[in-house]
Amino acid sequence: MSVVIRLARMGGKGKPHHKIVVTDQRRPRDGRFIEQLGFYDPSREPAFMEINAERASYWLSVGAKPSDTVRSLFRQKKIKQPVPAKQG
């Protein structure tokens, strides 16, 4: 099972907000998820973002791959990506 951290879209037409979720890669974008890590609302000024940094770090440490957008949000919140161990 390949685990990813990505956004699940919520809200109405023209007023999106997102949950930051951990899910199986094969699941639909807004389908069932393993755990919710936070919330992101880009329509507010400035954009509102709430992330459970402790749980996000845990999922990254066990190999979950963040989407490009989630990686950017983690960078803004100063959540460190683990450095992969060198083989050899």
PDB file of N, CA and C in Angstrom:
ATOM      1  N   MET A   1       0.843  -1.177   0.000  1.00  0.00           N
ATOM      2  CA  MET A   1       0.000   0.000   0.000  1.00  0.00           C
ATOM      3  C   MET A   1       0.888   1.239   0.000  1.00  0.00           C
ATOM      4  N   SER A   2       0.672   2.114  -0.960  1.00  0.00           N
ATOM      5  CA  SER A   2       1.416   3.355  -1.052  1.00  0.00           C
ATOM      6  C   SER A   2       0.594   4.468  -0.403  1.00  0.00           C
ATOM      7  N   VAL A   3       1.150   5.084   0.634  1.00  0.00           N
ATOM      8  CA  VAL A   3       0.432   6.098   1.395  1.00  0.00           C
ATOM      9  C   VAL A   3       0.889   7.481   0.951  1.00  0.00           C
ATOM     10  N   VAL A   4      -0.081   8.381   0.736  1.00  0.00           N
ATOM     11  CA  VAL A   4       0.210   9.745   0.318  1.00  0.00           C
ATOM     12  C   VAL A   4      -0.484  10.730   1.252  1.00  0.00           C
ATOM     13  N   ILE A   5       0.049  11.951   1.298  1.00  0.00           N
ATOM     14  CA  ILE A   5      -0.570  13.050   2.028  1.00  0.00           C
ATOM     15  C   ILE A   5      -1.006  14.043   0.962  1.00  0.00           C
ATOM     16  N   ARG A   6      -2.307  14.323   0.897  1.00  0.00           N
ATOM     17  CA  ARG A   6      -2.816  15.208  -0.151  1.00  0.00           C
ATOM     18  C   ARG A   6      -4.025  15.980   0.351  1.00  0.00           C
ATOM     19  N   LEU A   7      -4.538  16.856  -0.518  1.00  0.00           N
ATOM     20  CA  LEU A   7      -5.695  17.667  -0.191  1.00  0.00           C
ATOM     21  C   LEU A   7      -6.974  16.978  -0.653  1.00  0.00           C
ATOM     22  N   ALA A   8      -8.004  17.045   0.168  1.00  0.00           N
ATOM     23  CA  ALA A   8      -9.342  16.578  -0.203  1.00  0.00           C
ATOM     24  C   ALA A   8     -10.229  17.819  -0.261  1.00  0.00           C
ATOM     25  N   ARG A   9     -10.857  18.064  -1.397  1.00  0.00           N
ATOM     26  CA  ARG A   9     -11.627  19.291  -1.593  1.00  0.00           C
ATOM     27  C   ARG A   9     -12.961  19.220  -0.868  1.00  0.00           C
ATOM     28  N   MET A  10     -13.298  20.324  -0.229  1.00  0.00           N
ATOM     29  CA  MET A  10     -14.569  20.487   0.467  1.00  0.00           C
ATOM     30  C   MET A  10     -15.148  21.828   0.016  1.00  0.00           C
ATOM     31  N   GLY A  11     -16.303  22.170   0.513  1.00  0.00           N
ATOM     32  CA  GLY A  11     -16.885  23.471   0.215  1.00  0.00           C
ATOM     33  C   GLY A  11     -17.732  23.455  -1.036  1.00  0.00           C
ATOM     34  N   GLY A  12     -18.365  24.577  -1.295  1.00  0.00           N
ATOM     35  CA  GLY A  12     -19.279  24.687  -2.426  1.00  0.00           C
ATOM     36  C   GLY A  12     -18.599  25.178  -3.683  1.00  0.00           C
ATOM     37  N   LYS A  13     -19.411  25.325  -4.697  1.00  0.00           N
ATOM     38  CA  LYS A  13     -18.922  25.788  -5.994  1.00  0.00           C
ATOM     39  C   LYS A  13     -18.353  27.205  -5.861  1.00  0.00           C
ATOM     40  N   GLY A  14     -17.109  27.376  -6.254  1.00  0.00           N
ATOM     41  CA  GLY A  14     -16.461  28.677  -6.182  1.00  0.00           C
ATOM     42  C   GLY A  14     -15.952  29.063  -4.812  1.00  0.00           C
ATOM     43  N   LYS A  15     -16.170  28.234  -3.786  1.00  0.00           N
ATOM     44  CA  LYS A  15     -15.712  28.532  -2.425  1.00  0.00           C
ATOM     45  C   LYS A  15     -15.006  27.310  -1.839  1.00  0.00           C
ATOM     46  N   PRO A  16     -13.888  26.930  -2.434  1.00  0.00           N
ATOM     47  CA  PRO A  16     -13.233  25.707  -1.970  1.00  0.00           C
ATOM     48  C   PRO A  16     -12.466  25.892  -0.666  1.00  0.00           C
ATOM     49  N   HIS A  17     -12.431  24.845   0.123  1.00  0.00           N
ATOM     50  CA  HIS A  17     -11.482  24.711   1.218  1.00  0.00           C
ATOM     51  C   HIS A  17     -11.119  23.233   1.240  1.00  0.00           C
ATOM     52  N   HIS A  18     -10.038  22.903   1.900  1.00  0.00           N
ATOM     53  CA  HIS A  18      -9.488  21.560   1.785  1.00  0.00           C
ATOM     54  C   HIS A  18      -9.136  20.973   3.139  1.00  0.00           C
ATOM     55  N   LYS A  19      -9.265  19.647   3.241  1.00  0.00           N
ATOM     56  CA  LYS A  19      -8.718  18.893   4.356  1.00  0.00           C
ATOM     57  C   LYS A  19      -7.364  18.371   3.903  1.00  0.00           C
ATOM     58  N   ILE A  20      -6.393  18.347   4.794  1.00  0.00           N
ATOM     59  CA  ILE A  20      -5.108  17.715   4.512  1.00  0.00           C
ATOM     60  C   ILE A  20      -5.212  16.309   5.103  1.00  0.00           C
ATOM     61  N   VAL A  21      -5.160  15.290   4.239  1.00  0.00           N
ATOM     62  CA  VAL A  21      -5.429  13.924   4.672  1.00  0.00           C
ATOM     63  C   VAL A  21      -4.310  12.966   4.277  1.00  0.00           C
ATOM     64  N   VAL A  22      -4.213  11.870   5.036  1.00  0.00           N
ATOM     65  CA  VAL A  22      -3.333  10.749   4.717  1.00  0.00           C
ATOM     66  C   VAL A  22      -4.238   9.671   4.148  1.00  0.00           C
ATOM     67  N   THR A  23      -3.900   9.167   2.952  1.00  0.00           N
ATOM     68  CA  THR A  23      -4.759   8.188   2.303  1.00  0.00           C
ATOM     69  C   THR A  23      -3.949   7.238   1.435  1.00  0.00           C
ATOM     70  N   ASP A  24      -4.579   6.158   1.041  1.00  0.00           N
ATOM     71  CA  ASP A  24      -3.992   5.229   0.085  1.00  0.00           C
ATOM     72  C   ASP A  24      -4.001   5.913  -1.284  1.00  0.00           C
ATOM     73  N   GLN A  25      -2.939   5.766  -2.023  1.00  0.00           N
ATOM     74  CA  GLN A  25      -2.791   6.421  -3.320  1.00  0.00           C
ATOM     75  C   GLN A  25      -3.910   6.038  -4.294  1.00  0.00           C
ATOM     76  N   ARG A  26      -4.455   4.838  -4.169  1.00  0.00           N
ATOM     77  CA  ARG A  26      -5.461   4.348  -5.109  1.00  0.00           C
ATOM     78  C   ARG A  26      -6.867   4.882  -4.823  1.00  0.00           C
ATOM     79  N   ARG A  27      -7.081   5.504  -3.694  1.00  0.00           N
ATOM     80  CA  ARG A  27      -8.394   6.041  -3.340  1.00  0.00           C
ATOM     81  C   ARG A  27      -8.709   7.313  -4.126  1.00  0.00           C
ATOM     82  N   PRO A  28      -9.997   7.608  -4.343  1.00  0.00           N
ATOM     83  CA  PRO A  28     -10.371   8.852  -5.011  1.00  0.00           C
ATOM     84  C   PRO A  28      -9.979  10.071  -4.174  1.00  0.00           C
ATOM     85  N   ARG A  29      -9.872  11.212  -4.812  1.00  0.00           N
ATOM     86  CA  ARG A  29      -9.423  12.443  -4.151  1.00  0.00           C
ATOM     87  C   ARG A  29     -10.233  12.747  -2.897  1.00  0.00           C
ATOM     88  N   ASP A  30     -11.552  12.639  -2.975  1.00  0.00           N
ATOM     89  CA  ASP A  30     -12.411  12.979  -1.838  1.00  0.00           C
ATOM     90  C   ASP A  30     -12.948  11.744  -1.134  1.00  0.00           C
ATOM     91  N   GLY A  31     -12.321  10.590  -1.370  1.00  0.00           N
ATOM     92  CA  GLY A  31     -12.796   9.333  -0.788  1.00  0.00           C
ATOM     93  C   GLY A  31     -12.342   9.131   0.639  1.00  0.00           C
ATOM     94  N   ARG A  32     -12.428   7.882   1.072  1.00  0.00           N
ATOM     95  CA  ARG A  32     -12.072   7.519   2.443  1.00  0.00           C
ATOM     96  C   ARG A  32     -10.590   7.796   2.687  1.00  0.00           C
ATOM     97  N   PHE A  33     -10.265   8.209   3.898  1.00  0.00           N
ATOM     98  CA  PHE A  33      -8.874   8.501   4.235  1.00  0.00           C
ATOM     99  C   PHE A  33      -8.511   7.835   5.552  1.00  0.00           C
ATOM    100  N   ILE A  34      -7.196   7.740   5.808  1.00  0.00           N
ATOM    101  CA  ILE A  34      -6.689   7.106   7.024  1.00  0.00           C
ATOM    102  C   ILE A  34      -6.757   8.075   8.202  1.00  0.00           C
ATOM    103  N   GLU A  35      -6.276   9.303   7.978  1.00  0.00           N
ATOM    104  CA  GLU A  35      -6.234  10.291   9.058  1.00  0.00           C
ATOM    105  C   GLU A  35      -6.276  11.688   8.473  1.00  0.00           C
ATOM    106  N   GLN A  36      -6.948  12.595   9.180  1.00  0.00           N
ATOM    107  CA  GLN A  36      -6.955  14.002   8.782  1.00  0.00           C
ATOM    108  C   GLN A  36      -5.876  14.734   9.573  1.00  0.00           C
ATOM    109  N   LEU A  37      -4.977  15.428   8.856  1.00  0.00           N
ATOM    110  CA  LEU A  37      -3.868  16.128   9.513  1.00  0.00           C
ATOM    111  C   LEU A  37      -4.139  17.606   9.724  1.00  0.00           C
ATOM    112  N   GLY A  38      -5.049  18.164   8.941  1.00  0.00           N
ATOM    113  CA  GLY A  38      -5.282  19.589   9.082  1.00  0.00           C
ATOM    114  C   GLY A  38      -6.305  20.115   8.104  1.00  0.00           C
ATOM    115  N   PHE A  39      -6.259  21.436   7.927  1.00  0.00           N
ATOM    116  CA  PHE A  39      -7.255  22.157   7.157  1.00  0.00           C
ATOM    117  C   PHE A  39      -6.556  23.296   6.413  1.00  0.00           C
ATOM    118  N   TYR A  40      -7.006  23.574   5.185  1.00  0.00           N
ATOM    119  CA  TYR A  40      -6.425  24.652   4.386  1.00  0.00           C
ATOM    120  C   TYR A  40      -7.544  25.393   3.661  1.00  0.00           C
ATOM    121  N   ASP A  41      -7.607  26.712   3.847  1.00  0.00           N
ATOM    122  CA  ASP A  41      -8.618  27.540   3.184  1.00  0.00           C
ATOM    123  C   ASP A  41      -7.918  28.664   2.429  1.00  0.00           C
ATOM    124  N   PRO A  42      -7.731  28.499   1.100  1.00  0.00           N
ATOM    125  CA  PRO A  42      -7.022  29.514   0.322  1.00  0.00           C
ATOM    126  C   PRO A  42      -7.859  30.751   0.021  1.00  0.00           C
ATOM    127  N   SER A  43      -9.181  30.705   0.263  1.00  0.00           N
ATOM    128  CA  SER A  43     -10.037  31.835  -0.089  1.00  0.00           C
ATOM    129  C   SER A  43      -9.974  32.963   0.941  1.00  0.00           C
ATOM    130  N   ARG A  44      -9.481  32.700   2.133  1.00  0.00           N
ATOM    131  CA  ARG A  44      -9.317  33.758   3.139  1.00  0.00           C
ATOM    132  C   ARG A  44      -8.109  34.606   2.786  1.00  0.00           C
ATOM    133  N   GLU A  45      -8.070  35.798   3.345  1.00  0.00           N
ATOM    134  CA  GLU A  45      -6.929  36.683   3.095  1.00  0.00           C
ATOM    135  C   GLU A  45      -6.308  37.056   4.419  1.00  0.00           C
ATOM    136  N   PRO A  46      -5.145  36.607   4.826  1.00  0.00           N
ATOM    137  CA  PRO A  46      -4.296  35.624   4.148  1.00  0.00           C
ATOM    138  C   PRO A  46      -4.883  34.217   4.271  1.00  0.00           C
ATOM    139  N   ALA A  47      -4.380  33.314   3.462  1.00  0.00           N
ATOM    140  CA  ALA A  47      -4.878  31.940   3.440  1.00  0.00           C
ATOM    141  C   ALA A  47      -4.749  31.316   4.833  1.00  0.00           C
ATOM    142  N   PHE A  48      -5.797  30.634   5.270  1.00  0.00           N
ATOM    143  CA  PHE A  48      -5.820  29.998   6.587  1.00  0.00           C
ATOM    144  C   PHE A  48      -5.328  28.563   6.468  1.00  0.00           C
ATOM    145  N   MET A  49      -4.454  28.174   7.388  1.00  0.00           N
ATOM    146  CA  MET A  49      -3.901  26.830   7.360  1.00  0.00           C
ATOM    147  C   MET A  49      -3.674  26.356   8.791  1.00  0.00           C
ATOM    148  N   GLU A  50      -4.144  25.148   9.074  1.00  0.00           N
ATOM    149  CA  GLU A  50      -3.932  24.542  10.384  1.00  0.00           C
ATOM    150  C   GLU A  50      -3.464  23.111  10.154  1.00  0.00           C
ATOM    151  N   ILE A  51      -2.277  22.770  10.681  1.00  0.00           N
ATOM    152  CA  ILE A  51      -1.697  21.446  10.467  1.00  0.00           C
ATOM    153  C   ILE A  51      -1.196  20.894  11.796  1.00  0.00           C
ATOM    154  N   ASN A  52      -1.477  19.616  12.051  1.00  0.00           N
ATOM    155  CA  ASN A  52      -0.942  18.921  13.220  1.00  0.00           C
ATOM    156  C   ASN A  52       0.481  18.484  12.851  1.00  0.00           C
ATOM    157  N   ALA A  53       1.469  19.286  13.231  1.00  0.00           N
ATOM    158  CA  ALA A  53       2.859  19.061  12.828  1.00  0.00           C
ATOM    159  C   ALA A  53       3.416  17.744  13.362  1.00  0.00           C
ATOM    160  N   GLU A  54       3.026  17.362  14.557  1.00  0.00           N
ATOM    161  CA  GLU A  54       3.527  16.122  15.147  1.00  0.00           C
ATOM    162  C   GLU A  54       3.099  14.905  14.322  1.00  0.00           C
ATOM    163  N   ARG A  55       1.821  14.849  13.955  1.00  0.00           N
ATOM    164  CA  ARG A  55       1.315  13.725  13.160  1.00  0.00           C
ATOM    165  C   ARG A  55       1.865  13.771  11.732  1.00  0.00           C
ATOM    166  N   ALA A  56       2.018  14.971  11.166  1.00  0.00           N
ATOM    167  CA  ALA A  56       2.581  15.096   9.819  1.00  0.00           C
ATOM    168  C   ALA A  56       4.010  14.564   9.798  1.00  0.00           C
ATOM    169  N   SER A  57       4.798  14.916  10.811  1.00  0.00           N
ATOM    170  CA  SER A  57       6.174  14.416  10.896  1.00  0.00           C
ATOM    171  C   SER A  57       6.201  12.899  11.023  1.00  0.00           C
ATOM    172  N   TYR A  58       5.267  12.353  11.798  1.00  0.00           N
ATOM    173  CA  TYR A  58       5.198  10.902  11.943  1.00  0.00           C
ATOM    174  C   TYR A  58       4.956  10.241  10.588  1.00  0.00           C
ATOM    175  N   TRP A  59       3.940  10.710   9.861  1.00  0.00           N
ATOM    176  CA  TRP A  59       3.611  10.080   8.583  1.00  0.00           C
ATOM    177  C   TRP A  59       4.747  10.224   7.573  1.00  0.00           C
ATOM    178  N   LEU A  60       5.436  11.365   7.585  1.00  0.00           N
ATOM    179  CA  LEU A  60       6.583  11.527   6.697  1.00  0.00           C
ATOM    180  C   LEU A  60       7.700  10.558   7.074  1.00  0.00           C
ATOM    181  N   SER A  61       7.884  10.326   8.375  1.00  0.00           N
ATOM    182  CA  SER A  61       8.962   9.438   8.833  1.00  0.00           C
ATOM    183  C   SER A  61       8.704   7.982   8.468  1.00  0.00           C
ATOM    184  N   VAL A  62       7.440   7.581   8.329  1.00  0.00           N
ATOM    185  CA  VAL A  62       7.145   6.198   7.970  1.00  0.00           C
ATOM    186  C   VAL A  62       6.973   6.013   6.464  1.00  0.00           C
ATOM    187  N   GLY A  63       7.232   7.073   5.687  1.00  0.00           N
ATOM    188  CA  GLY A  63       7.296   6.916   4.238  1.00  0.00           C
ATOM    189  C   GLY A  63       6.152   7.472   3.425  1.00  0.00           C
ATOM    190  N   ALA A  64       5.227   8.202   4.030  1.00  0.00           N
ATOM    191  CA  ALA A  64       4.137   8.810   3.255  1.00  0.00           C
ATOM    192  C   ALA A  64       4.704   9.906   2.354  1.00  0.00           C
ATOM    193  N   LYS A  65       4.235   9.948   1.112  1.00  0.00           N
ATOM    194  CA  LYS A  65       4.722  10.932   0.138  1.00  0.00           C
ATOM    195  C   LYS A  65       3.738  12.092   0.043  1.00  0.00           C
ATOM    196  N   PRO A  66       4.161  13.327   0.326  1.00  0.00           N
ATOM    197  CA  PRO A  66       3.251  14.466   0.199  1.00  0.00           C
ATOM    198  C   PRO A  66       3.114  14.902  -1.260  1.00  0.00           C
ATOM    199  N   SER A  67       1.933  15.413  -1.612  1.00  0.00           N
ATOM    200  CA  SER A  67       1.750  15.990  -2.942  1.00  0.00           C
ATOM    201  C   SER A  67       2.563  17.288  -3.015  1.00  0.00           C
ATOM    202  N   ASP A  68       2.720  17.836  -4.205  1.00  0.00           N
ATOM    203  CA  ASP A  68       3.499  19.068  -4.366  1.00  0.00           C
ATOM    204  C   ASP A  68       2.897  20.212  -3.549  1.00  0.00           C
ATOM    205  N   THR A  69       1.582  20.338  -3.564  1.00  0.00           N
ATOM    206  CA  THR A  69       0.922  21.413  -2.821  1.00  0.00           C
ATOM    207  C   THR A  69       1.099  21.221  -1.318  1.00  0.00           C
ATOM    208  N   VAL A  70       0.936  20.006  -0.844  1.00  0.00           N
ATOM    209  CA  VAL A  70       1.105  19.729   0.586  1.00  0.00           C
ATOM    210  C   VAL A  70       2.550  19.953   0.997  1.00  0.00           C
ATOM    211  N   ARG A  71       3.498  19.573   0.159  1.00  0.00           N
ATOM    212  CA  ARG A  71       4.911  19.809   0.456  1.00  0.00           C
ATOM    213  C   ARG A  71       5.158  21.311   0.633  1.00  0.00           C
ATOM    214  N   SER A  72       4.538  22.127  -0.211  1.00  0.00           N
ATOM    215  CA  SER A  72       4.670  23.575  -0.115  1.00  0.00           C
ATOM    216  C   SER A  72       4.062  24.100   1.192  1.00  0.00           C
ATOM    217  N   LEU A  73       2.908  23.578   1.572  1.00  0.00           N
ATOM    218  CA  LEU A  73       2.277  23.991   2.829  1.00  0.00           C
ATOM    219  C   LEU A  73       3.141  23.592   4.023  1.00  0.00           C
ATOM    220  N   PHE A  74       3.723  22.393   3.982  1.00  0.00           N
ATOM    221  CA  PHE A  74       4.617  21.946   5.051  1.00  0.00           C
ATOM    222  C   PHE A  74       5.835  22.865   5.159  1.00  0.00           C
ATOM    223  N   ARG A  75       6.364  23.281   4.017  1.00  0.00           N
ATOM    224  CA  ARG A  75       7.509  24.198   4.030  1.00  0.00           C
ATOM    225  C   ARG A  75       7.137  25.513   4.707  1.00  0.00           C
ATOM    226  N   GLN A  76       5.932  26.024   4.414  1.00  0.00           N
ATOM    227  CA  GLN A  76       5.480  27.281   5.028  1.00  0.00           C
ATOM    228  C   GLN A  76       5.336  27.149   6.537  1.00  0.00           C
ATOM    229  N   LYS A  77       4.927  25.970   7.012  1.00  0.00           N
ATOM    230  CA  LYS A  77       4.765  25.721   8.447  1.00  0.00           C
ATOM    231  C   LYS A  77       6.040  25.178   9.095  1.00  0.00           C
ATOM    232  N   LYS A  78       7.122  25.098   8.320  1.00  0.00           N
ATOM    233  CA  LYS A  78       8.436  24.651   8.822  1.00  0.00           C
ATOM    234  C   LYS A  78       8.414  23.207   9.326  1.00  0.00           C
ATOM    235  N   ILE A  79       7.661  22.333   8.625  1.00  0.00           N
ATOM    236  CA  ILE A  79       7.648  20.909   8.943  1.00  0.00           C
ATOM    237  C   ILE A  79       8.718  20.255   8.088  1.00  0.00           C
ATOM    238  N   LYS A  80       9.707  19.668   8.726  1.00  0.00           N
ATOM    239  CA  LYS A  80      10.877  19.117   8.032  1.00  0.00           C
ATOM    240  C   LYS A  80      10.572  17.800   7.341  1.00  0.00           C
ATOM    241  N   GLN A  81      11.088  17.655   6.118  1.00  0.00           N
ATOM    242  CA  GLN A  81      11.011  16.409   5.381  1.00  0.00           C
ATOM    243  C   GLN A  81      12.185  15.537   5.839  1.00  0.00           C
ATOM    244  N   PRO A  82      11.969  14.255   6.133  1.00  0.00           N
ATOM    245  CA  PRO A  82      13.094  13.414   6.538  1.00  0.00           C
ATOM    246  C   PRO A  82      14.047  13.185   5.363  1.00  0.00           C
ATOM    247  N   VAL A  83      15.325  13.138   5.675  1.00  0.00           N
ATOM    248  CA  VAL A  83      16.345  12.895   4.643  1.00  0.00           C
ATOM    249  C   VAL A  83      16.460  11.395   4.428  1.00  0.00           C
ATOM    250  N   PRO A  84      16.294  10.917   3.183  1.00  0.00           N
ATOM    251  CA  PRO A  84      16.371   9.467   2.960  1.00  0.00           C
ATOM    252  C   PRO A  84      17.783   8.946   3.242  1.00  0.00           C
ATOM    253  N   ALA A  85      17.866   7.768   3.846  1.00  0.00           N
ATOM    254  CA  ALA A  85      19.148   7.154   4.163  1.00  0.00           C
ATOM    255  C   ALA A  85      19.824   6.697   2.872  1.00  0.00           C
ATOM    256  N   LYS A  86      21.141   6.880   2.805  1.00  0.00           N
ATOM    257  CA  LYS A  86      21.888   6.466   1.607  1.00  0.00           C
ATOM    258  C   LYS A  86      22.086   4.953   1.626  1.00  0.00           C
ATOM    259  N   GLN A  87      21.899   4.357   0.488  1.00  0.00           N
ATOM    260  CA  GLN A  87      22.122   2.915   0.330  1.00  0.00           C
ATOM    261  C   GLN A  87      23.571   2.694  -0.052  1.00  0.00           C
ATOM    262  N   GLY A  88      24.186   1.712   0.492  1.00  0.00           N
ATOM    263  CA  GLY A  88      25.537   1.442   0.007  1.00  0.00           C
ATOM    264  C   GLY A  88      26.486   1.151   1.009  1.00  0.00           C
TER     265      GLY A  88
END
